[in-house]
Amino acid sequence: MLNTLRPVFNRLTKPVANALARTPITPNAITIIGTVGVTAGALALFPTGHLFAGTLVCWGFVMADMLDGALARVKGTSGKFGAFLDSTLDRVADAAVFAGLAAWFVLGGHSRLLAGLAVYCLVSGALVSYAKARAEGLGIRCDVGLAERSERMLIALVAAGLSGLGVPYVLAIGLWLLAAASTFTFGQRVLAVHRGAAAVASGGGE
């Protein structure tokens, strides 16, 4: 859904990318720095109950991570390894965010149910991403989805940040919403691949 805003993000990040292009910084370096920042912020701050501070740190590095693609386009260094690295490390960052939230629910003694729900959001989100990657590996388009990675991170971080500011029940509501949206999106992609595979089969495997 947020992919419709990508042209806007590209225009906003292009001036920064142009400035970075004059430095030795590479797109892959930005990808790695962004992942390390999100992971460190989520695992150091969320389990200790610093939800708002953790959200600010994670959000800052998520925004910085958006520069890798823009910088690659400016430098003309876009490639398959960069895309692979970006997608793979995105899974690492996602895991850190939800693991940090799960740890908070366990260590803070708030709710083991919500800790399990955070883990479910992690697993279901990974399945959403895997379904698309596996489909594309089979040559089947799988671009559908109510809640892609950007939507999932937005819901999780906004809910965590508001909870850190003292808004009651918002994190629980956000996780339940995210769990439902991720499950629905996974179903959408399974159905899309089923239809795509059937279309290929009916076309004689072309």
N, C-alpha and C. Protein backbone atom coordinates (compact mmCIF):
# COMPACT_ATOMS: atom_id res chain seq x y z
N MET A 1 0.82 -1.21 0.00
CA MET A 1 0.00 0.00 0.00
C MET A 1 0.86 1.26 0.00
N LEU A 2 1.89 1.27 0.86
CA LEU A 2 2.76 2.44 0.92
C LEU A 2 3.66 2.56 -0.29
N ASN A 3 3.68 1.52 -1.13
CA ASN A 3 4.51 1.59 -2.34
C ASN A 3 4.05 2.70 -3.27
N THR A 4 2.77 3.10 -3.13
CA THR A 4 2.28 4.20 -3.96
C THR A 4 2.97 5.51 -3.62
N LEU A 5 3.55 5.59 -2.42
CA LEU A 5 4.26 6.80 -1.99
C LEU A 5 5.74 6.76 -2.35
N ARG A 6 6.19 5.65 -2.95
CA ARG A 6 7.62 5.51 -3.24
C ARG A 6 8.17 6.64 -4.11
N PRO A 7 7.44 7.10 -5.16
CA PRO A 7 7.97 8.23 -5.94
C PRO A 7 8.23 9.48 -5.08
N VAL A 8 7.36 9.71 -4.09
CA VAL A 8 7.55 10.86 -3.19
C VAL A 8 8.82 10.67 -2.36
N PHE A 9 8.99 9.45 -1.81
CA PHE A 9 10.19 9.16 -1.03
C PHE A 9 11.45 9.32 -1.88
N ASN A 10 11.36 8.89 -3.14
CA ASN A 10 12.52 8.99 -4.02
C ASN A 10 12.92 10.44 -4.26
N ARG A 11 11.92 11.30 -4.42
CA ARG A 11 12.23 12.73 -4.63
C ARG A 11 12.84 13.35 -3.37
N LEU A 12 12.36 12.92 -2.21
CA LEU A 12 12.88 13.46 -0.95
C LEU A 12 14.30 13.00 -0.66
N THR A 13 14.60 11.76 -1.04
CA THR A 13 15.93 11.21 -0.72
C THR A 13 16.97 11.52 -1.80
N LYS A 14 16.55 11.94 -2.97
CA LYS A 14 17.51 12.16 -4.05
C LYS A 14 18.58 13.20 -3.70
N PRO A 15 18.22 14.37 -3.11
CA PRO A 15 19.28 15.34 -2.77
C PRO A 15 20.31 14.77 -1.79
N VAL A 16 19.85 13.98 -0.82
CA VAL A 16 20.78 13.38 0.13
C VAL A 16 21.64 12.34 -0.57
N ALA A 17 21.02 11.57 -1.46
CA ALA A 17 21.78 10.57 -2.22
C ALA A 17 22.83 11.23 -3.10
N ASN A 18 22.49 12.37 -3.69
CA ASN A 18 23.46 13.08 -4.53
C ASN A 18 24.65 13.53 -3.71
N ALA A 19 24.39 13.98 -2.47
CA ALA A 19 25.48 14.40 -1.59
C ALA A 19 26.33 13.21 -1.17
N LEU A 20 25.70 12.10 -0.85
CA LEU A 20 26.44 10.90 -0.44
C LEU A 20 27.25 10.31 -1.58
N ALA A 21 26.78 10.54 -2.82
CA ALA A 21 27.49 10.00 -3.98
C ALA A 21 28.88 10.60 -4.13
N ARG A 22 29.10 11.74 -3.50
CA ARG A 22 30.42 12.38 -3.56
C ARG A 22 31.34 11.89 -2.45
N THR A 23 30.89 10.93 -1.69
CA THR A 23 31.69 10.36 -0.59
C THR A 23 32.00 8.90 -0.91
N PRO A 24 32.89 8.28 -0.12
CA PRO A 24 33.20 6.85 -0.35
C PRO A 24 32.12 5.90 0.14
N ILE A 25 31.06 6.42 0.76
CA ILE A 25 30.00 5.56 1.30
C ILE A 25 29.30 4.81 0.17
N THR A 26 29.10 3.51 0.36
CA THR A 26 28.45 2.69 -0.64
C THR A 26 27.02 2.35 -0.21
N PRO A 27 26.16 1.98 -1.16
CA PRO A 27 24.80 1.58 -0.79
C PRO A 27 24.78 0.39 0.17
N ASN A 28 25.67 -0.58 -0.04
CA ASN A 28 25.70 -1.73 0.85
C ASN A 28 26.10 -1.34 2.26
N ALA A 29 26.98 -0.35 2.38
CA ALA A 29 27.37 0.14 3.71
C ALA A 29 26.17 0.75 4.43
N ILE A 30 25.36 1.50 3.70
CA ILE A 30 24.16 2.10 4.29
C ILE A 30 23.19 1.00 4.74
N THR A 31 23.04 -0.02 3.92
CA THR A 31 22.17 -1.14 4.27
C THR A 31 22.62 -1.79 5.57
N ILE A 32 23.91 -2.04 5.68
CA ILE A 32 24.45 -2.70 6.88
C ILE A 32 24.31 -1.80 8.10
N ILE A 33 24.65 -0.51 7.95
CA ILE A 33 24.54 0.43 9.07
C ILE A 33 23.09 0.54 9.55
N GLY A 34 22.16 0.62 8.61
CA GLY A 34 20.76 0.70 8.98
C GLY A 34 20.30 -0.52 9.75
N THR A 35 20.71 -1.69 9.30
CA THR A 35 20.31 -2.93 9.98
C THR A 35 20.91 -3.02 11.37
N VAL A 36 22.19 -2.69 11.48
CA VAL A 36 22.85 -2.72 12.78
C VAL A 36 22.18 -1.73 13.74
N GLY A 37 21.83 -0.54 13.25
CA GLY A 37 21.19 0.46 14.08
C GLY A 37 19.82 0.02 14.58
N VAL A 38 19.00 -0.50 13.68
CA VAL A 38 17.66 -0.98 14.07
C VAL A 38 17.79 -2.13 15.06
N THR A 39 18.68 -3.08 14.77
CA THR A 39 18.85 -4.24 15.64
C THR A 39 19.32 -3.83 17.04
N ALA A 40 20.31 -2.96 17.09
CA ALA A 40 20.83 -2.51 18.38
C ALA A 40 19.77 -1.73 19.16
N GLY A 41 19.07 -0.83 18.47
CA GLY A 41 18.04 -0.05 19.15
C GLY A 41 16.91 -0.91 19.68
N ALA A 42 16.45 -1.86 18.88
CA ALA A 42 15.32 -2.70 19.29
C ALA A 42 15.70 -3.64 20.42
N LEU A 43 16.86 -4.27 20.33
CA LEU A 43 17.25 -5.27 21.34
C LEU A 43 17.79 -4.64 22.62
N ALA A 44 18.28 -3.41 22.54
CA ALA A 44 18.79 -2.76 23.74
C ALA A 44 17.71 -1.98 24.48
N LEU A 45 16.76 -1.40 23.76
CA LEU A 45 15.80 -0.50 24.38
C LEU A 45 14.41 -1.10 24.61
N PHE A 46 13.90 -1.89 23.67
CA PHE A 46 12.57 -2.46 23.86
C PHE A 46 12.48 -3.38 25.07
N PRO A 47 13.40 -4.33 25.25
CA PRO A 47 13.27 -5.25 26.40
C PRO A 47 13.32 -4.55 27.75
N THR A 48 13.95 -3.39 27.82
CA THR A 48 14.05 -2.66 29.09
C THR A 48 12.90 -1.67 29.28
N GLY A 49 11.94 -1.68 28.37
CA GLY A 49 10.76 -0.83 28.52
C GLY A 49 10.89 0.56 27.96
N HIS A 50 12.01 0.87 27.29
CA HIS A 50 12.19 2.19 26.70
C HIS A 50 11.59 2.18 25.28
N LEU A 51 10.27 2.06 25.24
CA LEU A 51 9.61 1.85 23.95
C LEU A 51 9.67 3.08 23.05
N PHE A 52 9.49 4.26 23.63
CA PHE A 52 9.51 5.46 22.79
C PHE A 52 10.92 5.73 22.26
N ALA A 53 11.91 5.64 23.14
CA ALA A 53 13.30 5.85 22.71
C ALA A 53 13.70 4.80 21.67
N GLY A 54 13.30 3.56 21.90
CA GLY A 54 13.61 2.50 20.95
C GLY A 54 12.97 2.76 19.59
N THR A 55 11.74 3.26 19.63
CA THR A 55 11.05 3.57 18.38
C THR A 55 11.77 4.68 17.61
N LEU A 56 12.21 5.71 18.32
CA LEU A 56 12.92 6.80 17.66
C LEU A 56 14.21 6.31 17.00
N VAL A 57 14.96 5.48 17.73
CA VAL A 57 16.21 4.95 17.18
C VAL A 57 15.93 4.08 15.97
N CYS A 58 14.98 3.16 16.10
CA CYS A 58 14.66 2.26 14.98
C CYS A 58 14.14 3.04 13.78
N TRP A 59 13.26 4.01 14.04
CA TRP A 59 12.68 4.78 12.93
C TRP A 59 13.76 5.58 12.20
N GLY A 60 14.68 6.14 12.97
CA GLY A 60 15.76 6.90 12.35
C GLY A 60 16.61 6.05 11.43
N PHE A 61 16.95 4.85 11.88
CA PHE A 61 17.77 3.98 11.04
C PHE A 61 16.98 3.37 9.88
N VAL A 62 15.67 3.17 10.07
CA VAL A 62 14.83 2.71 8.96
C VAL A 62 14.81 3.76 7.86
N MET A 63 14.65 5.03 8.26
CA MET A 63 14.66 6.11 7.28
C MET A 63 16.01 6.22 6.58
N ALA A 64 17.09 6.06 7.34
CA ALA A 64 18.42 6.11 6.74
C ALA A 64 18.62 4.97 5.76
N ASP A 65 18.06 3.81 6.11
CA ASP A 65 18.21 2.64 5.25
C ASP A 65 17.54 2.84 3.89
N MET A 66 16.56 3.73 3.83
CA MET A 66 15.89 3.99 2.56
C MET A 66 16.82 4.65 1.55
N LEU A 67 17.95 5.15 2.01
CA LEU A 67 18.88 5.84 1.11
C LEU A 67 19.69 4.90 0.25
N ASP A 68 19.75 3.60 0.63
CA ASP A 68 20.64 2.70 -0.12
C ASP A 68 20.24 2.57 -1.58
N GLY A 69 18.93 2.43 -1.81
CA GLY A 69 18.47 2.31 -3.19
C GLY A 69 18.68 3.59 -3.98
N ALA A 70 18.39 4.74 -3.34
CA ALA A 70 18.57 6.01 -4.01
C ALA A 70 20.04 6.24 -4.35
N LEU A 71 20.93 5.89 -3.41
CA LEU A 71 22.36 6.06 -3.66
C LEU A 71 22.85 5.13 -4.76
N ALA A 72 22.32 3.92 -4.79
CA ALA A 72 22.71 2.97 -5.83
C ALA A 72 22.30 3.48 -7.21
N ARG A 73 21.13 4.11 -7.29
CA ARG A 73 20.69 4.64 -8.59
C ARG A 73 21.56 5.82 -9.02
N VAL A 74 21.92 6.67 -8.07
CA VAL A 74 22.75 7.82 -8.41
C VAL A 74 24.14 7.38 -8.85
N LYS A 75 24.72 6.42 -8.13
CA LYS A 75 26.06 5.94 -8.46
C LYS A 75 26.07 4.95 -9.62
N GLY A 76 24.88 4.46 -9.98
CA GLY A 76 24.81 3.48 -11.05
C GLY A 76 25.37 2.13 -10.66
N THR A 77 25.23 1.80 -9.36
CA THR A 77 25.80 0.55 -8.86
C THR A 77 24.74 -0.46 -8.45
N SER A 78 23.51 -0.25 -8.92
CA SER A 78 22.45 -1.19 -8.59
C SER A 78 22.82 -2.57 -9.13
N GLY A 79 22.60 -3.58 -8.32
CA GLY A 79 22.94 -4.93 -8.75
C GLY A 79 22.18 -5.96 -7.96
N LYS A 80 22.32 -7.21 -8.37
CA LYS A 80 21.58 -8.29 -7.73
C LYS A 80 22.05 -8.53 -6.30
N PHE A 81 23.36 -8.41 -6.06
CA PHE A 81 23.82 -8.65 -4.70
C PHE A 81 23.30 -7.59 -3.74
N GLY A 82 23.25 -6.34 -4.18
CA GLY A 82 22.73 -5.28 -3.34
C GLY A 82 21.27 -5.52 -2.98
N ALA A 83 20.49 -5.96 -3.97
CA ALA A 83 19.08 -6.26 -3.72
C ALA A 83 18.95 -7.43 -2.76
N PHE A 84 19.80 -8.44 -2.94
CA PHE A 84 19.79 -9.61 -2.05
C PHE A 84 20.15 -9.20 -0.62
N LEU A 85 21.20 -8.40 -0.49
CA LEU A 85 21.64 -7.98 0.84
C LEU A 85 20.56 -7.16 1.54
N ASP A 86 19.95 -6.25 0.81
CA ASP A 86 18.91 -5.40 1.38
C ASP A 86 17.74 -6.22 1.88
N SER A 87 17.25 -7.15 1.04
CA SER A 87 16.11 -7.97 1.43
C SER A 87 16.43 -8.88 2.61
N THR A 88 17.64 -9.45 2.59
CA THR A 88 18.03 -10.36 3.66
C THR A 88 18.17 -9.64 4.99
N LEU A 89 18.84 -8.49 4.97
CA LEU A 89 19.03 -7.76 6.22
C LEU A 89 17.74 -7.12 6.72
N ASP A 90 16.78 -6.89 5.84
CA ASP A 90 15.47 -6.43 6.28
C ASP A 90 14.84 -7.44 7.23
N ARG A 91 15.05 -8.74 6.93
CA ARG A 91 14.50 -9.79 7.80
C ARG A 91 15.17 -9.75 9.16
N VAL A 92 16.46 -9.44 9.18
CA VAL A 92 17.18 -9.34 10.45
C VAL A 92 16.61 -8.20 11.30
N ALA A 93 16.40 -7.05 10.67
CA ALA A 93 15.85 -5.89 11.39
C ALA A 93 14.45 -6.19 11.91
N ASP A 94 13.61 -6.82 11.08
CA ASP A 94 12.26 -7.18 11.50
C ASP A 94 12.31 -8.10 12.72
N ALA A 95 13.19 -9.10 12.66
CA ALA A 95 13.31 -10.05 13.76
C ALA A 95 13.70 -9.34 15.05
N ALA A 96 14.61 -8.38 14.95
CA ALA A 96 15.05 -7.65 16.14
C ALA A 96 13.91 -6.86 16.76
N VAL A 97 13.12 -6.19 15.94
CA VAL A 97 12.01 -5.38 16.45
C VAL A 97 11.02 -6.24 17.22
N PHE A 98 10.58 -7.34 16.61
CA PHE A 98 9.56 -8.16 17.27
C PHE A 98 10.13 -8.99 18.41
N ALA A 99 11.40 -9.38 18.31
CA ALA A 99 12.03 -10.07 19.43
C ALA A 99 12.17 -9.13 20.62
N GLY A 100 12.50 -7.88 20.35
CA GLY A 100 12.60 -6.90 21.42
C GLY A 100 11.27 -6.67 22.11
N LEU A 101 10.20 -6.58 21.32
CA LEU A 101 8.86 -6.39 21.90
C LEU A 101 8.43 -7.62 22.69
N ALA A 102 8.73 -8.82 22.15
CA ALA A 102 8.39 -10.05 22.87
C ALA A 102 9.12 -10.11 24.20
N ALA A 103 10.39 -9.74 24.19
CA ALA A 103 11.18 -9.74 25.42
C ALA A 103 10.59 -8.76 26.45
N TRP A 104 10.11 -7.62 25.97
CA TRP A 104 9.50 -6.64 26.88
C TRP A 104 8.28 -7.22 27.57
N PHE A 105 7.44 -7.92 26.81
CA PHE A 105 6.24 -8.50 27.40
C PHE A 105 6.58 -9.60 28.41
N VAL A 106 7.67 -10.31 28.17
CA VAL A 106 8.07 -11.37 29.10
C VAL A 106 8.79 -10.78 30.31
N LEU A 107 9.80 -9.97 30.07
CA LEU A 107 10.61 -9.43 31.16
C LEU A 107 9.84 -8.42 32.01
N GLY A 108 8.97 -7.68 31.37
CA GLY A 108 8.17 -6.71 32.11
C GLY A 108 7.00 -7.35 32.83
N GLY A 109 6.76 -8.63 32.55
CA GLY A 109 5.69 -9.35 33.22
C GLY A 109 4.30 -8.92 32.81
N HIS A 110 4.18 -8.33 31.63
CA HIS A 110 2.89 -7.81 31.21
C HIS A 110 1.96 -8.90 30.66
N SER A 111 2.46 -9.67 29.70
CA SER A 111 1.58 -10.65 29.09
C SER A 111 2.38 -11.63 28.22
N ARG A 112 2.33 -12.89 28.60
CA ARG A 112 2.97 -13.91 27.77
C ARG A 112 2.18 -14.11 26.48
N LEU A 113 0.88 -13.84 26.55
CA LEU A 113 0.06 -13.94 25.34
C LEU A 113 0.54 -12.93 24.29
N LEU A 114 0.78 -11.69 24.72
CA LEU A 114 1.24 -10.67 23.79
C LEU A 114 2.67 -10.94 23.34
N ALA A 115 3.46 -11.57 24.20
CA ALA A 115 4.81 -11.98 23.78
C ALA A 115 4.71 -12.99 22.65
N GLY A 116 3.81 -13.96 22.81
CA GLY A 116 3.59 -14.93 21.74
C GLY A 116 3.04 -14.28 20.48
N LEU A 117 2.19 -13.26 20.66
CA LEU A 117 1.63 -12.56 19.52
C LEU A 117 2.72 -11.81 18.75
N ALA A 118 3.67 -11.22 19.47
CA ALA A 118 4.79 -10.54 18.81
C ALA A 118 5.61 -11.53 18.00
N VAL A 119 5.82 -12.72 18.55
CA VAL A 119 6.55 -13.76 17.81
C VAL A 119 5.75 -14.19 16.58
N TYR A 120 4.43 -14.29 16.74
CA TYR A 120 3.59 -14.64 15.59
C TYR A 120 3.70 -13.59 14.50
N CYS A 121 3.72 -12.32 14.88
CA CYS A 121 3.88 -11.25 13.88
C CYS A 121 5.21 -11.38 13.15
N LEU A 122 6.23 -11.77 13.87
CA LEU A 122 7.54 -11.98 13.25
C LEU A 122 7.47 -13.11 12.23
N VAL A 123 6.91 -14.24 12.64
CA VAL A 123 6.86 -15.41 11.76
C VAL A 123 5.96 -15.16 10.56
N SER A 124 4.79 -14.60 10.79
CA SER A 124 3.86 -14.36 9.68
C SER A 124 4.42 -13.34 8.70
N GLY A 125 5.13 -12.33 9.23
CA GLY A 125 5.76 -11.36 8.34
C GLY A 125 6.84 -11.98 7.49
N ALA A 126 7.61 -12.89 8.10
CA ALA A 126 8.65 -13.60 7.34
C ALA A 126 8.02 -14.47 6.26
N LEU A 127 6.89 -15.09 6.57
CA LEU A 127 6.20 -15.92 5.57
C LEU A 127 5.68 -15.09 4.41
N VAL A 128 5.20 -13.88 4.71
CA VAL A 128 4.74 -12.98 3.65
C VAL A 128 5.88 -12.68 2.69
N SER A 129 7.04 -12.35 3.24
CA SER A 129 8.20 -12.04 2.40
C SER A 129 8.70 -13.28 1.66
N TYR A 130 8.71 -14.42 2.35
CA TYR A 130 9.19 -15.65 1.71
C TYR A 130 8.28 -16.06 0.56
N ALA A 131 6.98 -15.91 0.75
CA ALA A 131 6.04 -16.31 -0.30
C ALA A 131 6.33 -15.55 -1.59
N LYS A 132 6.59 -14.26 -1.47
CA LYS A 132 6.90 -13.47 -2.67
C LYS A 132 8.22 -13.89 -3.29
N ALA A 133 9.25 -14.07 -2.45
CA ALA A 133 10.56 -14.45 -2.96
C ALA A 133 10.51 -15.81 -3.64
N ARG A 134 9.81 -16.76 -3.03
CA ARG A 134 9.73 -18.11 -3.61
C ARG A 134 8.94 -18.09 -4.91
N ALA A 135 7.87 -17.30 -4.95
CA ALA A 135 7.07 -17.20 -6.17
C ALA A 135 7.90 -16.63 -7.31
N GLU A 136 8.65 -15.57 -7.01
CA GLU A 136 9.47 -14.96 -8.05
C GLU A 136 10.58 -15.90 -8.50
N GLY A 137 11.06 -16.75 -7.57
CA GLY A 137 12.04 -17.75 -7.95
C GLY A 137 11.47 -18.79 -8.91
N LEU A 138 10.16 -18.99 -8.84
CA LEU A 138 9.47 -19.91 -9.75
C LEU A 138 8.98 -19.22 -11.01
N GLY A 139 9.25 -17.93 -11.11
CA GLY A 139 8.83 -17.19 -12.30
C GLY A 139 7.38 -16.74 -12.26
N ILE A 140 6.80 -16.63 -11.07
CA ILE A 140 5.40 -16.22 -10.92
C ILE A 140 5.35 -14.89 -10.19
N ARG A 141 4.64 -13.92 -10.74
CA ARG A 141 4.53 -12.62 -10.11
C ARG A 141 3.67 -12.73 -8.85
N CYS A 142 4.09 -12.03 -7.81
CA CYS A 142 3.35 -12.07 -6.54
C CYS A 142 3.46 -10.71 -5.86
N ASP A 143 2.90 -9.70 -6.49
CA ASP A 143 3.01 -8.33 -5.99
C ASP A 143 1.84 -7.91 -5.11
N VAL A 144 0.89 -8.82 -4.90
CA VAL A 144 -0.29 -8.46 -4.11
C VAL A 144 0.07 -8.41 -2.63
N GLY A 145 -0.77 -7.74 -1.87
CA GLY A 145 -0.54 -7.76 -0.43
C GLY A 145 -1.08 -6.54 0.27
N LEU A 146 -1.89 -6.77 1.29
CA LEU A 146 -2.44 -5.68 2.08
C LEU A 146 -1.36 -5.06 2.96
N ALA A 147 -0.53 -5.90 3.58
CA ALA A 147 0.47 -5.42 4.52
C ALA A 147 1.85 -5.92 4.13
N GLU A 148 2.57 -5.11 3.35
CA GLU A 148 3.93 -5.46 3.00
C GLU A 148 4.87 -4.98 4.10
N ARG A 149 6.17 -5.11 3.87
CA ARG A 149 7.12 -4.83 4.94
C ARG A 149 7.00 -3.41 5.48
N SER A 150 6.83 -2.44 4.60
CA SER A 150 6.75 -1.05 5.05
C SER A 150 5.54 -0.83 5.95
N GLU A 151 4.38 -1.42 5.58
CA GLU A 151 3.19 -1.28 6.41
C GLU A 151 3.37 -1.97 7.76
N ARG A 152 4.00 -3.14 7.74
CA ARG A 152 4.18 -3.88 8.99
C ARG A 152 5.09 -3.12 9.97
N MET A 153 6.18 -2.56 9.45
CA MET A 153 7.08 -1.81 10.31
C MET A 153 6.41 -0.54 10.82
N LEU A 154 5.61 0.10 9.97
CA LEU A 154 4.92 1.32 10.37
C LEU A 154 3.97 1.03 11.53
N ILE A 155 3.17 -0.01 11.40
CA ILE A 155 2.22 -0.36 12.46
C ILE A 155 2.94 -0.70 13.75
N ALA A 156 3.97 -1.53 13.65
CA ALA A 156 4.70 -1.97 14.85
C ALA A 156 5.37 -0.81 15.57
N LEU A 157 6.06 0.04 14.82
CA LEU A 157 6.81 1.13 15.46
C LEU A 157 5.90 2.24 15.98
N VAL A 158 4.85 2.56 15.24
CA VAL A 158 3.92 3.58 15.73
C VAL A 158 3.24 3.10 17.01
N ALA A 159 2.81 1.83 17.01
CA ALA A 159 2.16 1.29 18.21
C ALA A 159 3.12 1.27 19.40
N ALA A 160 4.37 0.86 19.15
CA ALA A 160 5.36 0.83 20.23
C ALA A 160 5.66 2.24 20.74
N GLY A 161 5.80 3.18 19.82
CA GLY A 161 6.10 4.55 20.22
C GLY A 161 4.98 5.17 21.05
N LEU A 162 3.73 4.98 20.62
CA LEU A 162 2.59 5.53 21.36
C LEU A 162 2.47 4.86 22.73
N SER A 163 2.76 3.56 22.77
CA SER A 163 2.74 2.87 24.05
C SER A 163 3.80 3.45 25.00
N GLY A 164 4.96 3.76 24.43
CA GLY A 164 6.01 4.37 25.23
C GLY A 164 5.64 5.74 25.77
N LEU A 165 4.72 6.40 25.08
CA LEU A 165 4.23 7.72 25.54
C LEU A 165 3.08 7.59 26.53
N GLY A 166 2.69 6.35 26.81
CA GLY A 166 1.65 6.14 27.82
C GLY A 166 0.26 5.90 27.29
N VAL A 167 0.09 5.76 25.97
CA VAL A 167 -1.24 5.49 25.42
C VAL A 167 -1.62 4.05 25.76
N PRO A 168 -2.71 3.83 26.48
CA PRO A 168 -3.05 2.48 26.93
C PRO A 168 -3.54 1.59 25.79
N TYR A 169 -3.19 0.32 25.86
CA TYR A 169 -3.67 -0.74 24.98
C TYR A 169 -3.23 -0.60 23.52
N VAL A 170 -2.54 0.47 23.16
CA VAL A 170 -2.26 0.70 21.75
C VAL A 170 -1.30 -0.34 21.18
N LEU A 171 -0.35 -0.82 21.98
CA LEU A 171 0.59 -1.81 21.47
C LEU A 171 -0.10 -3.14 21.25
N ALA A 172 -0.96 -3.53 22.17
CA ALA A 172 -1.72 -4.77 22.00
C ALA A 172 -2.61 -4.69 20.76
N ILE A 173 -3.29 -3.56 20.60
CA ILE A 173 -4.16 -3.38 19.43
C ILE A 173 -3.34 -3.43 18.15
N GLY A 174 -2.18 -2.76 18.16
CA GLY A 174 -1.33 -2.76 16.97
C GLY A 174 -0.85 -4.16 16.61
N LEU A 175 -0.48 -4.95 17.60
CA LEU A 175 0.00 -6.31 17.32
C LEU A 175 -1.12 -7.21 16.81
N TRP A 176 -2.30 -7.10 17.41
CA TRP A 176 -3.42 -7.90 16.90
C TRP A 176 -3.78 -7.50 15.47
N LEU A 177 -3.78 -6.20 15.19
CA LEU A 177 -4.04 -5.72 13.84
C LEU A 177 -2.99 -6.23 12.87
N LEU A 178 -1.75 -6.17 13.30
CA LEU A 178 -0.64 -6.61 12.46
C LEU A 178 -0.71 -8.11 12.20
N ALA A 179 -1.04 -8.88 13.23
CA ALA A 179 -1.16 -10.33 13.07
C ALA A 179 -2.25 -10.66 12.05
N ALA A 180 -3.38 -9.98 12.16
CA ALA A 180 -4.48 -10.23 11.22
C ALA A 180 -4.11 -9.81 9.80
N ALA A 181 -3.47 -8.63 9.67
CA ALA A 181 -3.10 -8.14 8.35
C ALA A 181 -2.04 -9.02 7.70
N SER A 182 -1.07 -9.50 8.48
CA SER A 182 -0.03 -10.36 7.93
C SER A 182 -0.60 -11.70 7.49
N THR A 183 -1.51 -12.25 8.30
CA THR A 183 -2.15 -13.52 7.94
C THR A 183 -2.95 -13.36 6.65
N PHE A 184 -3.70 -12.27 6.55
CA PHE A 184 -4.49 -12.02 5.35
C PHE A 184 -3.59 -11.86 4.13
N THR A 185 -2.50 -11.13 4.29
CA THR A 185 -1.58 -10.90 3.18
C THR A 185 -0.93 -12.21 2.72
N PHE A 186 -0.56 -13.06 3.67
CA PHE A 186 0.00 -14.36 3.31
C PHE A 186 -1.02 -15.17 2.50
N GLY A 187 -2.28 -15.13 2.92
CA GLY A 187 -3.33 -15.81 2.17
C GLY A 187 -3.48 -15.24 0.76
N GLN A 188 -3.41 -13.90 0.66
CA GLN A 188 -3.48 -13.26 -0.65
C GLN A 188 -2.39 -13.79 -1.58
N ARG A 189 -1.19 -13.91 -1.05
CA ARG A 189 -0.05 -14.31 -1.88
C ARG A 189 -0.11 -15.79 -2.25
N VAL A 190 -0.57 -16.62 -1.32
CA VAL A 190 -0.75 -18.04 -1.65
C VAL A 190 -1.77 -18.18 -2.77
N LEU A 191 -2.87 -17.45 -2.67
CA LEU A 191 -3.91 -17.51 -3.70
C LEU A 191 -3.37 -16.99 -5.03
N ALA A 192 -2.59 -15.91 -5.00
CA ALA A 192 -2.02 -15.35 -6.23
C ALA A 192 -1.08 -16.34 -6.90
N VAL A 193 -0.27 -17.03 -6.10
CA VAL A 193 0.65 -18.01 -6.67
C VAL A 193 -0.12 -19.20 -7.22
N HIS A 194 -1.17 -19.62 -6.51
CA HIS A 194 -2.00 -20.72 -7.00
C HIS A 194 -2.59 -20.39 -8.36
N ARG A 195 -3.10 -19.18 -8.49
CA ARG A 195 -3.68 -18.75 -9.77
C ARG A 195 -2.61 -18.63 -10.84
N GLY A 196 -1.44 -18.09 -10.47
CA GLY A 196 -0.37 -17.95 -11.42
C GLY A 196 0.16 -19.29 -11.91
N ALA A 197 0.29 -20.24 -10.98
CA ALA A 197 0.75 -21.58 -11.36
C ALA A 197 -0.26 -22.27 -12.25
N ALA A 198 -1.55 -22.07 -11.97
CA ALA A 198 -2.60 -22.67 -12.80
C ALA A 198 -2.58 -22.07 -14.20
N ALA A 199 -2.32 -20.76 -14.27
CA ALA A 199 -2.26 -20.11 -15.59
C ALA A 199 -1.08 -20.63 -16.40
N VAL A 200 0.06 -20.83 -15.73
CA VAL A 200 1.22 -21.37 -16.42
C VAL A 200 0.95 -22.79 -16.90
N ALA A 201 0.31 -23.60 -16.05
CA ALA A 201 0.01 -24.99 -16.41
C ALA A 201 -0.95 -25.05 -17.59
N SER A 202 -1.96 -24.19 -17.58
CA SER A 202 -2.94 -24.20 -18.67
C SER A 202 -2.35 -23.69 -19.97
N GLY A 203 -1.24 -22.95 -19.85
CA GLY A 203 -0.58 -22.43 -21.05
C GLY A 203 0.51 -23.35 -21.55
N GLY A 204 0.53 -24.56 -21.02
CA GLY A 204 1.52 -25.52 -21.49
C GLY A 204 2.88 -25.31 -20.86
N GLY A 205 2.91 -24.61 -19.66
CA GLY A 205 4.19 -24.43 -18.97
C GLY A 205 5.00 -23.28 -19.47
N GLU A 206 4.41 -22.43 -20.34
CA GLU A 206 5.15 -21.28 -20.87
C GLU A 206 5.15 -20.15 -19.86
